[in-house]
Amino acid sequence: MADDRGTSAMVFLAFLSGATMGAVAALLLAPQAGDESRDQIRKYARRAENDLRDLAGRAGEAFEEVVGQGKEFVENKRSVLREAFDAGREAIKRERGRVDEGPDRG
């Protein structure tokens, strides 16, 4: 699930980068005044900056969620291992008790 988010974020980032580069190239090659081109480039840059901040925020949230899931997974496995160790200790105690009592020599 987290892997899908990472892949989606990378695709979005690649698309955004390509779109930005295409827009800048189109503006630089368009037959208009330099002031107009610079204004449009600034607008595109601001929009790209906002999109990147939004993407970074979502990536941070996804990272925190994955870390939380990882901690939960580790805690669950720790609990299972603790129960298994406790059961093993109890089994050893029972076996020692049987050995200490010795065989019945009736």
N, C-alpha and C. Protein backbone atom coordinates (compact mmCIF):
# COMPACT_ATOMS: atom_id res chain seq x y z
N MET A 1 0.82 -1.19 0.00
CA MET A 1 0.00 0.00 0.00
C MET A 1 0.86 1.25 0.00
N ALA A 2 1.84 1.27 0.90
CA ALA A 2 2.75 2.42 0.96
C ALA A 2 3.60 2.49 -0.28
N ASP A 3 3.92 1.32 -0.85
CA ASP A 3 4.72 1.27 -2.06
C ASP A 3 3.97 1.94 -3.21
N ASP A 4 2.65 1.72 -3.27
CA ASP A 4 1.83 2.35 -4.30
C ASP A 4 1.83 3.86 -4.16
N ARG A 5 1.80 4.34 -2.92
CA ARG A 5 1.82 5.79 -2.69
C ARG A 5 3.14 6.39 -3.14
N GLY A 6 4.23 5.70 -2.83
CA GLY A 6 5.54 6.18 -3.24
C GLY A 6 5.67 6.24 -4.74
N THR A 7 5.17 5.21 -5.41
CA THR A 7 5.22 5.17 -6.87
C THR A 7 4.34 6.27 -7.46
N SER A 8 3.16 6.45 -6.90
CA SER A 8 2.26 7.50 -7.38
C SER A 8 2.88 8.88 -7.19
N ALA A 9 3.53 9.07 -6.06
CA ALA A 9 4.18 10.36 -5.80
C ALA A 9 5.29 10.61 -6.81
N MET A 10 6.06 9.57 -7.12
CA MET A 10 7.15 9.74 -8.08
C MET A 10 6.61 10.04 -9.48
N VAL A 11 5.53 9.37 -9.86
CA VAL A 11 4.92 9.62 -11.17
C VAL A 11 4.39 11.05 -11.22
N PHE A 12 3.74 11.48 -10.14
CA PHE A 12 3.21 12.84 -10.09
C PHE A 12 4.34 13.86 -10.17
N LEU A 13 5.42 13.60 -9.44
CA LEU A 13 6.56 14.52 -9.45
C LEU A 13 7.19 14.58 -10.84
N ALA A 14 7.32 13.43 -11.50
CA ALA A 14 7.88 13.40 -12.86
C ALA A 14 6.96 14.16 -13.82
N PHE A 15 5.66 13.95 -13.70
CA PHE A 15 4.71 14.65 -14.55
C PHE A 15 4.78 16.16 -14.32
N LEU A 16 4.83 16.54 -13.05
CA LEU A 16 4.89 17.96 -12.71
C LEU A 16 6.18 18.60 -13.25
N SER A 17 7.27 17.90 -13.11
CA SER A 17 8.55 18.42 -13.62
C SER A 17 8.50 18.57 -15.13
N GLY A 18 7.98 17.56 -15.80
CA GLY A 18 7.88 17.62 -17.26
C GLY A 18 6.96 18.74 -17.72
N ALA A 19 5.84 18.87 -17.04
CA ALA A 19 4.89 19.92 -17.41
C ALA A 19 5.50 21.30 -17.21
N THR A 20 6.22 21.46 -16.12
CA THR A 20 6.87 22.75 -15.83
C THR A 20 7.92 23.07 -16.89
N MET A 21 8.73 22.09 -17.21
CA MET A 21 9.77 22.31 -18.23
C MET A 21 9.14 22.63 -19.58
N GLY A 22 8.06 21.94 -19.92
CA GLY A 22 7.37 22.20 -21.18
C GLY A 22 6.78 23.60 -21.22
N ALA A 23 6.19 24.00 -20.10
CA ALA A 23 5.59 25.34 -20.03
C ALA A 23 6.65 26.43 -20.16
N VAL A 24 7.78 26.23 -19.48
CA VAL A 24 8.86 27.22 -19.57
C VAL A 24 9.40 27.28 -20.99
N ALA A 25 9.59 26.14 -21.62
CA ALA A 25 10.09 26.13 -23.00
C ALA A 25 9.09 26.82 -23.93
N ALA A 26 7.81 26.55 -23.75
CA ALA A 26 6.80 27.18 -24.60
C ALA A 26 6.80 28.69 -24.41
N LEU A 27 6.95 29.13 -23.18
CA LEU A 27 6.97 30.58 -22.93
C LEU A 27 8.19 31.25 -23.53
N LEU A 28 9.32 30.56 -23.42
CA LEU A 28 10.54 31.15 -23.96
C LEU A 28 10.53 31.22 -25.48
N LEU A 29 9.83 30.30 -26.09
CA LEU A 29 9.78 30.26 -27.56
C LEU A 29 8.58 31.01 -28.12
N ALA A 30 7.65 31.45 -27.28
CA ALA A 30 6.44 32.13 -27.73
C ALA A 30 6.78 33.55 -28.17
N PRO A 31 6.08 34.02 -29.20
CA PRO A 31 6.32 35.40 -29.68
C PRO A 31 5.55 36.42 -28.83
N GLN A 32 6.11 36.76 -27.68
CA GLN A 32 5.50 37.78 -26.83
C GLN A 32 6.60 38.59 -26.16
N ALA A 33 6.21 39.63 -25.49
CA ALA A 33 7.19 40.51 -24.85
C ALA A 33 7.87 39.78 -23.69
N GLY A 34 9.11 40.20 -23.41
CA GLY A 34 9.88 39.57 -22.34
C GLY A 34 9.23 39.71 -20.98
N ASP A 35 8.61 40.87 -20.72
CA ASP A 35 7.93 41.08 -19.43
C ASP A 35 6.78 40.09 -19.26
N GLU A 36 6.02 39.87 -20.31
CA GLU A 36 4.90 38.94 -20.24
C GLU A 36 5.42 37.52 -19.99
N SER A 37 6.48 37.17 -20.67
CA SER A 37 7.06 35.83 -20.50
C SER A 37 7.56 35.64 -19.07
N ARG A 38 8.24 36.62 -18.54
CA ARG A 38 8.75 36.52 -17.18
C ARG A 38 7.60 36.42 -16.17
N ASP A 39 6.54 37.19 -16.38
CA ASP A 39 5.38 37.12 -15.48
C ASP A 39 4.76 35.72 -15.51
N GLN A 40 4.62 35.17 -16.70
CA GLN A 40 4.04 33.83 -16.82
C GLN A 40 4.94 32.79 -16.17
N ILE A 41 6.25 32.94 -16.35
CA ILE A 41 7.18 32.00 -15.74
C ILE A 41 7.09 32.09 -14.22
N ARG A 42 6.97 33.29 -13.67
CA ARG A 42 6.81 33.45 -12.22
C ARG A 42 5.54 32.75 -11.73
N LYS A 43 4.44 32.93 -12.48
CA LYS A 43 3.18 32.28 -12.09
C LYS A 43 3.34 30.77 -12.09
N TYR A 44 3.96 30.24 -13.15
CA TYR A 44 4.17 28.79 -13.22
C TYR A 44 5.08 28.32 -12.08
N ALA A 45 6.10 29.11 -11.77
CA ALA A 45 7.02 28.74 -10.70
C ALA A 45 6.29 28.72 -9.35
N ARG A 46 5.44 29.72 -9.10
CA ARG A 46 4.67 29.74 -7.85
C ARG A 46 3.73 28.55 -7.77
N ARG A 47 3.07 28.26 -8.88
CA ARG A 47 2.16 27.11 -8.90
C ARG A 47 2.93 25.81 -8.66
N ALA A 48 4.08 25.69 -9.30
CA ALA A 48 4.89 24.48 -9.11
C ALA A 48 5.38 24.37 -7.67
N GLU A 49 5.77 25.50 -7.09
CA GLU A 49 6.22 25.50 -5.69
C GLU A 49 5.08 25.04 -4.77
N ASN A 50 3.89 25.56 -4.99
CA ASN A 50 2.74 25.16 -4.17
C ASN A 50 2.43 23.67 -4.35
N ASP A 51 2.49 23.20 -5.59
CA ASP A 51 2.24 21.79 -5.85
C ASP A 51 3.29 20.91 -5.17
N LEU A 52 4.54 21.34 -5.23
CA LEU A 52 5.60 20.56 -4.59
C LEU A 52 5.45 20.56 -3.06
N ARG A 53 5.06 21.68 -2.48
CA ARG A 53 4.83 21.72 -1.03
C ARG A 53 3.69 20.79 -0.63
N ASP A 54 2.63 20.80 -1.45
CA ASP A 54 1.51 19.91 -1.19
C ASP A 54 1.95 18.46 -1.28
N LEU A 55 2.72 18.14 -2.31
CA LEU A 55 3.23 16.78 -2.50
C LEU A 55 4.13 16.38 -1.33
N ALA A 56 4.99 17.29 -0.90
CA ALA A 56 5.89 16.99 0.22
C ALA A 56 5.08 16.76 1.50
N GLY A 57 4.03 17.53 1.69
CA GLY A 57 3.17 17.34 2.86
C GLY A 57 2.49 15.98 2.84
N ARG A 58 1.98 15.61 1.67
CA ARG A 58 1.32 14.30 1.56
C ARG A 58 2.34 13.17 1.73
N ALA A 59 3.54 13.36 1.20
CA ALA A 59 4.58 12.33 1.36
C ALA A 59 4.95 12.18 2.83
N GLY A 60 5.03 13.30 3.54
CA GLY A 60 5.33 13.25 4.98
C GLY A 60 4.24 12.52 5.75
N GLU A 61 2.99 12.79 5.41
CA GLU A 61 1.88 12.10 6.07
C GLU A 61 1.93 10.60 5.78
N ALA A 62 2.20 10.25 4.53
CA ALA A 62 2.28 8.83 4.16
C ALA A 62 3.43 8.16 4.91
N PHE A 63 4.55 8.86 5.03
CA PHE A 63 5.70 8.31 5.75
C PHE A 63 5.35 8.07 7.22
N GLU A 64 4.70 9.04 7.84
CA GLU A 64 4.31 8.89 9.24
C GLU A 64 3.35 7.72 9.42
N GLU A 65 2.44 7.55 8.48
CA GLU A 65 1.49 6.44 8.55
C GLU A 65 2.22 5.10 8.44
N VAL A 66 3.17 5.02 7.51
CA VAL A 66 3.92 3.78 7.33
C VAL A 66 4.75 3.49 8.58
N VAL A 67 5.37 4.50 9.15
CA VAL A 67 6.15 4.30 10.37
C VAL A 67 5.24 3.81 11.49
N GLY A 68 4.07 4.39 11.60
CA GLY A 68 3.12 3.96 12.62
C GLY A 68 2.71 2.51 12.42
N GLN A 69 2.46 2.13 11.17
CA GLN A 69 2.11 0.74 10.89
C GLN A 69 3.27 -0.19 11.20
N GLY A 70 4.47 0.25 10.93
CA GLY A 70 5.65 -0.56 11.24
C GLY A 70 5.80 -0.76 12.73
N LYS A 71 5.60 0.29 13.50
CA LYS A 71 5.69 0.18 14.96
C LYS A 71 4.62 -0.78 15.49
N GLU A 72 3.43 -0.68 14.94
CA GLU A 72 2.34 -1.56 15.36
C GLU A 72 2.68 -3.02 15.03
N PHE A 73 3.22 -3.24 13.85
CA PHE A 73 3.61 -4.59 13.43
C PHE A 73 4.67 -5.16 14.37
N VAL A 74 5.69 -4.37 14.67
CA VAL A 74 6.76 -4.82 15.57
C VAL A 74 6.19 -5.13 16.95
N GLU A 75 5.32 -4.28 17.45
CA GLU A 75 4.74 -4.51 18.78
C GLU A 75 3.91 -5.78 18.80
N ASN A 76 3.15 -6.03 17.74
CA ASN A 76 2.36 -7.26 17.67
C ASN A 76 3.27 -8.49 17.65
N LYS A 77 4.34 -8.42 16.87
CA LYS A 77 5.26 -9.57 16.80
C LYS A 77 5.99 -9.75 18.13
N ARG A 78 6.32 -8.67 18.79
CA ARG A 78 6.98 -8.75 20.10
C ARG A 78 6.05 -9.45 21.10
N SER A 79 4.78 -9.12 21.04
CA SER A 79 3.80 -9.74 21.93
C SER A 79 3.70 -11.23 21.66
N VAL A 80 3.67 -11.62 20.40
CA VAL A 80 3.59 -13.03 20.03
C VAL A 80 4.83 -13.77 20.51
N LEU A 81 6.00 -13.17 20.31
CA LEU A 81 7.24 -13.80 20.76
C LEU A 81 7.28 -13.93 22.28
N ARG A 82 6.83 -12.90 22.97
CA ARG A 82 6.81 -12.94 24.43
C ARG A 82 5.92 -14.09 24.91
N GLU A 83 4.76 -14.25 24.31
CA GLU A 83 3.87 -15.35 24.67
C GLU A 83 4.52 -16.70 24.38
N ALA A 84 5.22 -16.80 23.24
CA ALA A 84 5.88 -18.06 22.90
C ALA A 84 6.99 -18.38 23.90
N PHE A 85 7.77 -17.39 24.28
CA PHE A 85 8.83 -17.61 25.27
C PHE A 85 8.24 -18.03 26.62
N ASP A 86 7.17 -17.35 27.02
CA ASP A 86 6.53 -17.71 28.29
C ASP A 86 6.01 -19.15 28.26
N ALA A 87 5.41 -19.53 27.15
CA ALA A 87 4.92 -20.90 27.02
C ALA A 87 6.08 -21.89 27.05
N GLY A 88 7.20 -21.54 26.43
CA GLY A 88 8.39 -22.40 26.45
C GLY A 88 8.94 -22.55 27.86
N ARG A 89 8.99 -21.47 28.61
CA ARG A 89 9.48 -21.52 29.99
C ARG A 89 8.59 -22.43 30.85
N GLU A 90 7.28 -22.29 30.67
CA GLU A 90 6.36 -23.12 31.42
C GLU A 90 6.54 -24.60 31.07
N ALA A 91 6.76 -24.88 29.79
CA ALA A 91 6.96 -26.27 29.37
C ALA A 91 8.24 -26.83 29.98
N ILE A 92 9.29 -26.01 30.01
CA ILE A 92 10.56 -26.45 30.61
C ILE A 92 10.36 -26.72 32.10
N LYS A 93 9.65 -25.84 32.80
CA LYS A 93 9.40 -26.04 34.23
C LYS A 93 8.64 -27.35 34.47
N ARG A 94 7.63 -27.61 33.64
CA ARG A 94 6.87 -28.85 33.80
C ARG A 94 7.75 -30.07 33.59
N GLU A 95 8.59 -30.01 32.56
CA GLU A 95 9.48 -31.15 32.28
C GLU A 95 10.50 -31.34 33.39
N ARG A 96 11.05 -30.26 33.91
CA ARG A 96 12.00 -30.37 35.03
C ARG A 96 11.32 -30.99 36.25
N GLY A 97 10.08 -30.59 36.49
CA GLY A 97 9.33 -31.13 37.60
C GLY A 97 9.13 -32.64 37.44
N ARG A 98 8.85 -33.06 36.23
CA ARG A 98 8.66 -34.49 35.98
C ARG A 98 9.98 -35.24 36.15
N VAL A 99 11.07 -34.65 35.69
CA VAL A 99 12.38 -35.30 35.80
C VAL A 99 12.80 -35.36 37.26
N ASP A 100 12.59 -34.27 38.01
CA ASP A 100 12.98 -34.22 39.42
C ASP A 100 12.20 -35.24 40.26
N GLU A 101 10.98 -35.49 39.89
CA GLU A 101 10.18 -36.47 40.63
C GLU A 101 10.70 -37.88 40.40
N GLY A 102 11.34 -38.09 39.29
CA GLY A 102 11.92 -39.40 38.98
C GLY A 102 10.87 -40.37 38.50
N PRO A 103 11.34 -41.46 37.95
CA PRO A 103 10.40 -42.46 37.45
C PRO A 103 9.74 -43.20 38.61
N ASP A 104 8.57 -43.64 38.37
CA ASP A 104 7.86 -44.43 39.40
C ASP A 104 8.50 -45.82 39.49
N ARG A 105 8.94 -46.16 40.69
CA ARG A 105 9.56 -47.48 40.87
C ARG A 105 8.64 -48.34 41.73
N GLY A 106 7.49 -48.44 41.39
CA GLY A 106 6.46 -49.08 42.12
C GLY A 106 6.65 -50.34 42.71
